[in-house]
Amino acid sequence: MNELAKKPRTLVGQVVSTGMDKSIAVLVERIVEHPLYRKYVRKSSKILAHDENNECNEGDMVAIEQCRPISKSKSWRLQQIIDRATQV
């Protein structure tokens, strides 16, 4: 493997929707400092990711990695399921 090859960008988030075929919506949260007030604020993004085998459920914690564009709104794919949601 080439030593200069870049690793794909990886994010961790919670699955919030699985209603689509082979797609999941993942909520990724980050903490940023407000530029004026210096208070830390939680910001979130909802990212669509490719789930080839439809193996995720809502509430799962997953790792997603950036990839080539799969569709108009999907440029991420499921890397692994970190924690399964508890079924009540």
PDB file of N, CA and C in Angstrom:
ATOM      1  N   MET A   1       0.838  -1.188   0.000  1.00  0.00           N
ATOM      2  CA  MET A   1       0.000   0.000   0.000  1.00  0.00           C
ATOM      3  C   MET A   1       0.880   1.247   0.000  1.00  0.00           C
ATOM      4  N   ASN A   2       0.462   2.224  -0.714  1.00  0.00           N
ATOM      5  CA  ASN A   2       1.203   3.465  -0.798  1.00  0.00           C
ATOM      6  C   ASN A   2       1.132   4.215   0.531  1.00  0.00           C
ATOM      7  N   GLU A   3       2.289   4.654   1.036  1.00  0.00           N
ATOM      8  CA  GLU A   3       2.319   5.342   2.327  1.00  0.00           C
ATOM      9  C   GLU A   3       1.671   6.713   2.266  1.00  0.00           C
ATOM     10  N   LEU A   4       1.605   7.298   1.077  1.00  0.00           N
ATOM     11  CA  LEU A   4       1.034   8.631   0.946  1.00  0.00           C
ATOM     12  C   LEU A   4      -0.468   8.608   0.687  1.00  0.00           C
ATOM     13  N   ALA A   5      -1.051   7.426   0.586  1.00  0.00           N
ATOM     14  CA  ALA A   5      -2.484   7.329   0.320  1.00  0.00           C
ATOM     15  C   ALA A   5      -3.268   7.874   1.511  1.00  0.00           C
ATOM     16  N   LYS A   6      -4.287   8.664   1.214  1.00  0.00           N
ATOM     17  CA  LYS A   6      -5.105   9.245   2.273  1.00  0.00           C
ATOM     18  C   LYS A   6      -6.114   8.234   2.783  1.00  0.00           C
ATOM     19  N   LYS A   7      -6.346   8.290   4.081  1.00  0.00           N
ATOM     20  CA  LYS A   7      -7.405   7.472   4.670  1.00  0.00           C
ATOM     21  C   LYS A   7      -8.714   8.221   4.514  1.00  0.00           C
ATOM     22  N   PRO A   8      -9.815   7.507   4.275  1.00  0.00           N
ATOM     23  CA  PRO A   8     -11.095   8.207   4.146  1.00  0.00           C
ATOM     24  C   PRO A   8     -11.510   8.844   5.475  1.00  0.00           C
ATOM     25  N   ARG A   9     -12.171   9.982   5.374  1.00  0.00           N
ATOM     26  CA  ARG A   9     -12.665  10.688   6.553  1.00  0.00           C
ATOM     27  C   ARG A   9     -13.741   9.851   7.222  1.00  0.00           C
ATOM     28  N   THR A  10     -13.673   9.718   8.537  1.00  0.00           N
ATOM     29  CA  THR A  10     -14.600   8.878   9.287  1.00  0.00           C
ATOM     30  C   THR A  10     -15.310   9.711  10.341  1.00  0.00           C
ATOM     31  N   LEU A  11     -16.627   9.506  10.462  1.00  0.00           N
ATOM     32  CA  LEU A  11     -17.432  10.180  11.474  1.00  0.00           C
ATOM     33  C   LEU A  11     -18.247   9.147  12.236  1.00  0.00           C
ATOM     34  N   VAL A  12     -18.621   9.488  13.454  1.00  0.00           N
ATOM     35  CA  VAL A  12     -19.453   8.619  14.287  1.00  0.00           C
ATOM     36  C   VAL A  12     -20.739   9.358  14.592  1.00  0.00           C
ATOM     37  N   GLY A  13     -21.879   8.655  14.461  1.00  0.00           N
ATOM     38  CA  GLY A  13     -23.162   9.289  14.733  1.00  0.00           C
ATOM     39  C   GLY A  13     -24.235   8.263  15.024  1.00  0.00           C
ATOM     40  N   GLN A  14     -25.445   8.764  15.226  1.00  0.00           N
ATOM     41  CA  GLN A  14     -26.589   7.922  15.565  1.00  0.00           C
ATOM     42  C   GLN A  14     -27.550   7.869  14.394  1.00  0.00           C
ATOM     43  N   VAL A  15     -28.040   6.664  14.092  1.00  0.00           N
ATOM     44  CA  VAL A  15     -28.986   6.481  12.999  1.00  0.00           C
ATOM     45  C   VAL A  15     -30.342   7.038  13.436  1.00  0.00           C
ATOM     46  N   VAL A  16     -30.908   7.951  12.624  1.00  0.00           N
ATOM     47  CA  VAL A  16     -32.199   8.550  12.965  1.00  0.00           C
ATOM     48  C   VAL A  16     -33.296   8.123  12.007  1.00  0.00           C
ATOM     49  N   SER A  17     -32.937   7.553  10.835  1.00  0.00           N
ATOM     50  CA  SER A  17     -33.950   7.113   9.893  1.00  0.00           C
ATOM     51  C   SER A  17     -33.417   5.968   9.048  1.00  0.00           C
ATOM     52  N   THR A  18     -34.279   4.955   8.849  1.00  0.00           N
ATOM     53  CA  THR A  18     -33.927   3.820   7.994  1.00  0.00           C
ATOM     54  C   THR A  18     -35.038   3.542   6.994  1.00  0.00           C
ATOM     55  N   GLY A  19     -35.848   4.529   6.704  1.00  0.00           N
ATOM     56  CA  GLY A  19     -37.014   4.325   5.857  1.00  0.00           C
ATOM     57  C   GLY A  19     -36.711   4.127   4.386  1.00  0.00           C
ATOM     58  N   MET A  20     -35.489   4.434   3.962  1.00  0.00           N
ATOM     59  CA  MET A  20     -35.127   4.310   2.551  1.00  0.00           C
ATOM     60  C   MET A  20     -34.479   2.950   2.302  1.00  0.00           C
ATOM     61  N   ASP A  21     -34.449   2.526   1.045  1.00  0.00           N
ATOM     62  CA  ASP A  21     -33.822   1.260   0.692  1.00  0.00           C
ATOM     63  C   ASP A  21     -32.318   1.477   0.524  1.00  0.00           C
ATOM     64  N   LYS A  22     -31.519   0.723   1.278  1.00  0.00           N
ATOM     65  CA  LYS A  22     -30.056   0.776   1.233  1.00  0.00           C
ATOM     66  C   LYS A  22     -29.495   2.141   1.627  1.00  0.00           C
ATOM     67  N   SER A  23     -30.245   2.913   2.404  1.00  0.00           N
ATOM     68  CA  SER A  23     -29.776   4.219   2.863  1.00  0.00           C
ATOM     69  C   SER A  23     -30.167   4.426   4.319  1.00  0.00           C
ATOM     70  N   ILE A  24     -29.330   5.174   5.028  1.00  0.00           N
ATOM     71  CA  ILE A  24     -29.640   5.548   6.407  1.00  0.00           C
ATOM     72  C   ILE A  24     -29.335   7.034   6.578  1.00  0.00           C
ATOM     73  N   ALA A  25     -30.043   7.668   7.495  1.00  0.00           N
ATOM     74  CA  ALA A  25     -29.759   9.053   7.865  1.00  0.00           C
ATOM     75  C   ALA A  25     -29.067   9.008   9.221  1.00  0.00           C
ATOM     76  N   VAL A  26     -27.880   9.624   9.294  1.00  0.00           N
ATOM     77  CA  VAL A  26     -27.061   9.586  10.499  1.00  0.00           C
ATOM     78  C   VAL A  26     -26.928  11.003  11.042  1.00  0.00           C
ATOM     79  N   LEU A  27     -27.215  11.171  12.335  1.00  0.00           N
ATOM     80  CA  LEU A  27     -27.081  12.460  13.002  1.00  0.00           C
ATOM     81  C   LEU A  27     -25.694  12.529  13.632  1.00  0.00           C
ATOM     82  N   VAL A  28     -24.865  13.454  13.144  1.00  0.00           N
ATOM     83  CA  VAL A  28     -23.501  13.622  13.637  1.00  0.00           C
ATOM     84  C   VAL A  28     -23.443  14.929  14.403  1.00  0.00           C
ATOM     85  N   GLU A  29     -23.024  14.864  15.672  1.00  0.00           N
ATOM     86  CA  GLU A  29     -22.934  16.055  16.509  1.00  0.00           C
ATOM     87  C   GLU A  29     -21.478  16.444  16.716  1.00  0.00           C
ATOM     88  N   ARG A  30     -21.241  17.749  16.800  1.00  0.00           N
ATOM     89  CA  ARG A  30     -19.905  18.251  17.099  1.00  0.00           C
ATOM     90  C   ARG A  30     -20.054  19.438  18.041  1.00  0.00           C
ATOM     91  N   ILE A  31     -18.989  19.750  18.762  1.00  0.00           N
ATOM     92  CA  ILE A  31     -19.001  20.847  19.710  1.00  0.00           C
ATOM     93  C   ILE A  31     -18.054  21.919  19.193  1.00  0.00           C
ATOM     94  N   VAL A  32     -18.580  23.142  19.021  1.00  0.00           N
ATOM     95  CA  VAL A  32     -17.775  24.256  18.522  1.00  0.00           C
ATOM     96  C   VAL A  32     -17.862  25.413  19.513  1.00  0.00           C
ATOM     97  N   GLU A  33     -16.825  26.208  19.520  1.00  0.00           N
ATOM     98  CA  GLU A  33     -16.794  27.363  20.408  1.00  0.00           C
ATOM     99  C   GLU A  33     -17.386  28.572  19.688  1.00  0.00           C
ATOM    100  N   HIS A  34     -18.285  29.296  20.354  1.00  0.00           N
ATOM    101  CA  HIS A  34     -18.867  30.497  19.780  1.00  0.00           C
ATOM    102  C   HIS A  34     -17.773  31.550  19.672  1.00  0.00           C
ATOM    103  N   PRO A  35     -17.644  32.211  18.508  1.00  0.00           N
ATOM    104  CA  PRO A  35     -16.522  33.127  18.318  1.00  0.00           C
ATOM    105  C   PRO A  35     -16.538  34.360  19.214  1.00  0.00           C
ATOM    106  N   LEU A  36     -17.707  34.821  19.600  1.00  0.00           N
ATOM    107  CA  LEU A  36     -17.783  36.031  20.421  1.00  0.00           C
ATOM    108  C   LEU A  36     -17.902  35.704  21.908  1.00  0.00           C
ATOM    109  N   TYR A  37     -18.796  34.797  22.258  1.00  0.00           N
ATOM    110  CA  TYR A  37     -19.101  34.548  23.665  1.00  0.00           C
ATOM    111  C   TYR A  37     -18.253  33.453  24.291  1.00  0.00           C
ATOM    112  N   ARG A  38     -17.467  32.741  23.483  1.00  0.00           N
ATOM    113  CA  ARG A  38     -16.555  31.695  23.977  1.00  0.00           C
ATOM    114  C   ARG A  38     -17.273  30.581  24.712  1.00  0.00           C
ATOM    115  N   LYS A  39     -18.548  30.393  24.433  1.00  0.00           N
ATOM    116  CA  LYS A  39     -19.298  29.287  25.017  1.00  0.00           C
ATOM    117  C   LYS A  39     -19.315  28.154  24.002  1.00  0.00           C
ATOM    118  N   TYR A  40     -19.229  26.927  24.479  1.00  0.00           N
ATOM    119  CA  TYR A  40     -19.258  25.784  23.580  1.00  0.00           C
ATOM    120  C   TYR A  40     -20.696  25.433  23.244  1.00  0.00           C
ATOM    121  N   VAL A  41     -20.963  25.284  21.949  1.00  0.00           N
ATOM    122  CA  VAL A  41     -22.306  25.039  21.450  1.00  0.00           C
ATOM    123  C   VAL A  41     -22.301  23.717  20.698  1.00  0.00           C
ATOM    124  N   ARG A  42     -23.334  22.932  20.862  1.00  0.00           N
ATOM    125  CA  ARG A  42     -23.455  21.656  20.166  1.00  0.00           C
ATOM    126  C   ARG A  42     -24.166  21.879  18.840  1.00  0.00           C
ATOM    127  N   LYS A  43     -23.524  21.490  17.750  1.00  0.00           N
ATOM    128  CA  LYS A  43     -24.116  21.598  16.420  1.00  0.00           C
ATOM    129  C   LYS A  43     -24.246  20.201  15.846  1.00  0.00           C
ATOM    130  N   SER A  44     -25.238  20.017  14.985  1.00  0.00           N
ATOM    131  CA  SER A  44     -25.459  18.693  14.426  1.00  0.00           C
ATOM    132  C   SER A  44     -25.698  18.770  12.923  1.00  0.00           C
ATOM    133  N   SER A  45     -25.390  17.680  12.239  1.00  0.00           N
ATOM    134  CA  SER A  45     -25.624  17.544  10.811  1.00  0.00           C
ATOM    135  C   SER A  45     -26.259  16.194  10.559  1.00  0.00           C
ATOM    136  N   LYS A  46     -27.203  16.165   9.641  1.00  0.00           N
ATOM    137  CA  LYS A  46     -27.831  14.899   9.260  1.00  0.00           C
ATOM    138  C   LYS A  46     -27.252  14.494   7.908  1.00  0.00           C
ATOM    139  N   ILE A  47     -26.587  13.347   7.868  1.00  0.00           N
ATOM    140  CA  ILE A  47     -25.880  12.887   6.682  1.00  0.00           C
ATOM    141  C   ILE A  47     -26.522  11.596   6.195  1.00  0.00           C
ATOM    142  N   LEU A  48     -26.741  11.506   4.879  1.00  0.00           N
ATOM    143  CA  LEU A  48     -27.233  10.272   4.286  1.00  0.00           C
ATOM    144  C   LEU A  48     -26.053   9.371   3.963  1.00  0.00           C
ATOM    145  N   ALA A  49     -26.157   8.093   4.327  1.00  0.00           N
ATOM    146  CA  ALA A  49     -25.075   7.135   4.098  1.00  0.00           C
ATOM    147  C   ALA A  49     -25.638   5.875   3.454  1.00  0.00           C
ATOM    148  N   HIS A  50     -24.776   5.176   2.726  1.00  0.00           N
ATOM    149  CA  HIS A  50     -25.153   3.962   2.012  1.00  0.00           C
ATOM    150  C   HIS A  50     -25.027   2.762   2.947  1.00  0.00           C
ATOM    151  N   ASP A  51     -26.098   2.005   3.100  1.00  0.00           N
ATOM    152  CA  ASP A  51     -26.133   0.790   3.917  1.00  0.00           C
ATOM    153  C   ASP A  51     -26.515  -0.357   2.981  1.00  0.00           C
ATOM    154  N   GLU A  52     -25.525  -1.031   2.439  1.00  0.00           N
ATOM    155  CA  GLU A  52     -25.733  -2.013   1.377  1.00  0.00           C
ATOM    156  C   GLU A  52     -26.693  -3.134   1.770  1.00  0.00           C
ATOM    157  N   ASN A  53     -26.587  -3.642   3.000  1.00  0.00           N
ATOM    158  CA  ASN A  53     -27.376  -4.815   3.404  1.00  0.00           C
ATOM    159  C   ASN A  53     -28.571  -4.470   4.275  1.00  0.00           C
ATOM    160  N   ASN A  54     -28.916  -3.207   4.406  1.00  0.00           N
ATOM    161  CA  ASN A  54     -30.026  -2.770   5.264  1.00  0.00           C
ATOM    162  C   ASN A  54     -29.918  -3.376   6.666  1.00  0.00           C
ATOM    163  N   GLU A  55     -28.737  -3.303   7.268  1.00  0.00           N
ATOM    164  CA  GLU A  55     -28.508  -3.957   8.552  1.00  0.00           C
ATOM    165  C   GLU A  55     -28.649  -3.027   9.754  1.00  0.00           C
ATOM    166  N   CYS A  56     -28.814  -1.730   9.551  1.00  0.00           N
ATOM    167  CA  CYS A  56     -28.931  -0.776  10.659  1.00  0.00           C
ATOM    168  C   CYS A  56     -30.386  -0.597  11.078  1.00  0.00           C
ATOM    169  N   ASN A  57     -30.553  -0.254  12.337  1.00  0.00           N
ATOM    170  CA  ASN A  57     -31.856   0.111  12.885  1.00  0.00           C
ATOM    171  C   ASN A  57     -31.748   1.503  13.496  1.00  0.00           C
ATOM    172  N   GLU A  58     -32.899   2.139  13.709  1.00  0.00           N
ATOM    173  CA  GLU A  58     -32.892   3.466  14.323  1.00  0.00           C
ATOM    174  C   GLU A  58     -32.329   3.374  15.742  1.00  0.00           C
ATOM    175  N   GLY A  59     -31.478   4.333  16.082  1.00  0.00           N
ATOM    176  CA  GLY A  59     -30.870   4.368  17.405  1.00  0.00           C
ATOM    177  C   GLY A  59     -29.489   3.751  17.467  1.00  0.00           C
ATOM    178  N   ASP A  60     -29.059   3.037  16.425  1.00  0.00           N
ATOM    179  CA  ASP A  60     -27.727   2.439  16.411  1.00  0.00           C
ATOM    180  C   ASP A  60     -26.657   3.518  16.333  1.00  0.00           C
ATOM    181  N   MET A  61     -25.526   3.295  16.990  1.00  0.00           N
ATOM    182  CA  MET A  61     -24.351   4.149  16.833  1.00  0.00           C
ATOM    183  C   MET A  61     -23.495   3.522  15.740  1.00  0.00           C
ATOM    184  N   VAL A  62     -23.157   4.315  14.723  1.00  0.00           N
ATOM    185  CA  VAL A  62     -22.433   3.787  13.576  1.00  0.00           C
ATOM    186  C   VAL A  62     -21.245   4.672  13.231  1.00  0.00           C
ATOM    187  N   ALA A  63     -20.283   4.084  12.536  1.00  0.00           N
ATOM    188  CA  ALA A  63     -19.169   4.823  11.961  1.00  0.00           C
ATOM    189  C   ALA A  63     -19.388   4.840  10.456  1.00  0.00           C
ATOM    190  N   ILE A  64     -19.272   6.026   9.847  1.00  0.00           N
ATOM    191  CA  ILE A  64     -19.440   6.148   8.404  1.00  0.00           C
ATOM    192  C   ILE A  64     -18.160   6.743   7.820  1.00  0.00           C
ATOM    193  N   GLU A  65     -17.857   6.374   6.573  1.00  0.00           N
ATOM    194  CA  GLU A  65     -16.661   6.893   5.924  1.00  0.00           C
ATOM    195  C   GLU A  65     -17.025   7.557   4.617  1.00  0.00           C
ATOM    196  N   GLN A  66     -16.260   8.572   4.275  1.00  0.00           N
ATOM    197  CA  GLN A  66     -16.512   9.316   3.050  1.00  0.00           C
ATOM    198  C   GLN A  66     -16.074   8.481   1.854  1.00  0.00           C
ATOM    199  N   CYS A  67     -16.836   8.578   0.763  1.00  0.00           N
ATOM    200  CA  CYS A  67     -16.526   7.812  -0.438  1.00  0.00           C
ATOM    201  C   CYS A  67     -16.918   8.649  -1.654  1.00  0.00           C
ATOM    202  N   ARG A  68     -16.783   8.060  -2.820  1.00  0.00           N
ATOM    203  CA  ARG A  68     -17.182   8.745  -4.038  1.00  0.00           C
ATOM    204  C   ARG A  68     -18.698   8.956  -4.001  1.00  0.00           C
ATOM    205  N   PRO A  69     -19.233   9.932  -4.713  1.00  0.00           N
ATOM    206  CA  PRO A  69     -20.681  10.148  -4.702  1.00  0.00           C
ATOM    207  C   PRO A  69     -21.432   8.933  -5.244  1.00  0.00           C
ATOM    208  N   ILE A  70     -22.393   8.448  -4.460  1.00  0.00           N
ATOM    209  CA  ILE A  70     -23.206   7.302  -4.856  1.00  0.00           C
ATOM    210  C   ILE A  70     -24.487   7.789  -5.513  1.00  0.00           C
ATOM    211  N   SER A  71     -25.001   8.905  -5.034  1.00  0.00           N
ATOM    212  CA  SER A  71     -26.181   9.531  -5.634  1.00  0.00           C
ATOM    213  C   SER A  71     -26.061  11.037  -5.411  1.00  0.00           C
ATOM    214  N   LYS A  72     -27.136  11.756  -5.686  1.00  0.00           N
ATOM    215  CA  LYS A  72     -27.110  13.209  -5.538  1.00  0.00           C
ATOM    216  C   LYS A  72     -26.793  13.624  -4.099  1.00  0.00           C
ATOM    217  N   SER A  73     -27.296  12.890  -3.119  1.00  0.00           N
ATOM    218  CA  SER A  73     -27.145  13.303  -1.728  1.00  0.00           C
ATOM    219  C   SER A  73     -26.318  12.338  -0.882  1.00  0.00           C
ATOM    220  N   LYS A  74     -25.825  11.243  -1.456  1.00  0.00           N
ATOM    221  CA  LYS A  74     -25.064  10.256  -0.681  1.00  0.00           C
ATOM    222  C   LYS A  74     -23.607  10.223  -1.120  1.00  0.00           C
ATOM    223  N   SER A  75     -22.709  10.611  -0.206  1.00  0.00           N
ATOM    224  CA  SER A  75     -21.275  10.506  -0.442  1.00  0.00           C
ATOM    225  C   SER A  75     -20.589   9.831   0.739  1.00  0.00           C
ATOM    226  N   TRP A  76     -21.351   9.106   1.525  1.00  0.00           N
ATOM    227  CA  TRP A  76     -20.834   8.392   2.696  1.00  0.00           C
ATOM    228  C   TRP A  76     -21.327   6.965   2.649  1.00  0.00           C
ATOM    229  N   ARG A  77     -20.550   6.039   3.229  1.00  0.00           N
ATOM    230  CA  ARG A  77     -20.982   4.642   3.316  1.00  0.00           C
ATOM    231  C   ARG A  77     -20.778   4.144   4.740  1.00  0.00           C
ATOM    232  N   LEU A  78     -21.577   3.163   5.107  1.00  0.00           N
ATOM    233  CA  LEU A  78     -21.489   2.565   6.431  1.00  0.00           C
ATOM    234  C   LEU A  78     -20.172   1.813   6.562  1.00  0.00           C
ATOM    235  N   GLN A  79     -19.419   2.129   7.615  1.00  0.00           N
ATOM    236  CA  GLN A  79     -18.161   1.437   7.850  1.00  0.00           C
ATOM    237  C   GLN A  79     -18.372   0.296   8.840  1.00  0.00           C
ATOM    238  N   GLN A  80     -18.980   0.605   9.987  1.00  0.00           N
ATOM    239  CA  GLN A  80     -19.271  -0.435  10.968  1.00  0.00           C
ATOM    240  C   GLN A  80     -20.353   0.041  11.920  1.00  0.00           C
ATOM    241  N   ILE A  81     -21.012  -0.936  12.553  1.00  0.00           N
ATOM    242  CA  ILE A  81     -21.999  -0.637  13.582  1.00  0.00           C
ATOM    243  C   ILE A  81     -21.270  -0.747  14.928  1.00  0.00           C
ATOM    244  N   ILE A  82     -21.202   0.346  15.659  1.00  0.00           N
ATOM    245  CA  ILE A  82     -20.459   0.390  16.907  1.00  0.00           C
ATOM    246  C   ILE A  82     -21.302  -0.177  18.049  1.00  0.00           C
ATOM    247  N   ASP A  83     -22.559   0.252  18.136  1.00  0.00           N
ATOM    248  CA  ASP A  83     -23.423  -0.153  19.239  1.00  0.00           C
ATOM    249  C   ASP A  83     -24.843  -0.285  18.728  1.00  0.00           C
ATOM    250  N   ARG A  84     -25.466  -1.407  18.998  1.00  0.00           N
ATOM    251  CA  ARG A  84     -26.853  -1.636  18.601  1.00  0.00           C
ATOM    252  C   ARG A  84     -27.803  -0.961  19.573  1.00  0.00           C
ATOM    253  N   ALA A  85     -28.931  -0.477  19.069  1.00  0.00           N
ATOM    254  CA  ALA A  85     -29.957   0.130  19.920  1.00  0.00           C
ATOM    255  C   ALA A  85     -30.665  -0.970  20.707  1.00  0.00           C
ATOM    256  N   THR A  86     -31.024  -0.660  21.932  1.00  0.00           N
ATOM    257  CA  THR A  86     -31.761  -1.633  22.729  1.00  0.00           C
ATOM    258  C   THR A  86     -33.211  -1.629  22.321  1.00  0.00           C
ATOM    259  N   GLN A  87     -33.767  -2.783  22.082  1.00  0.00           N
ATOM    260  CA  GLN A  87     -35.172  -2.920  21.686  1.00  0.00           C
ATOM    261  C   GLN A  87     -36.028  -2.968  22.941  1.00  0.00           C
ATOM    262  N   VAL A  88     -36.985  -2.045  23.055  1.00  0.00           N
ATOM    263  CA  VAL A  88     -37.849  -1.958  24.250  1.00  0.00           C
ATOM    264  C   VAL A  88     -39.128  -2.715  24.022  1.00  0.00           C
TER     265      VAL A  88
END
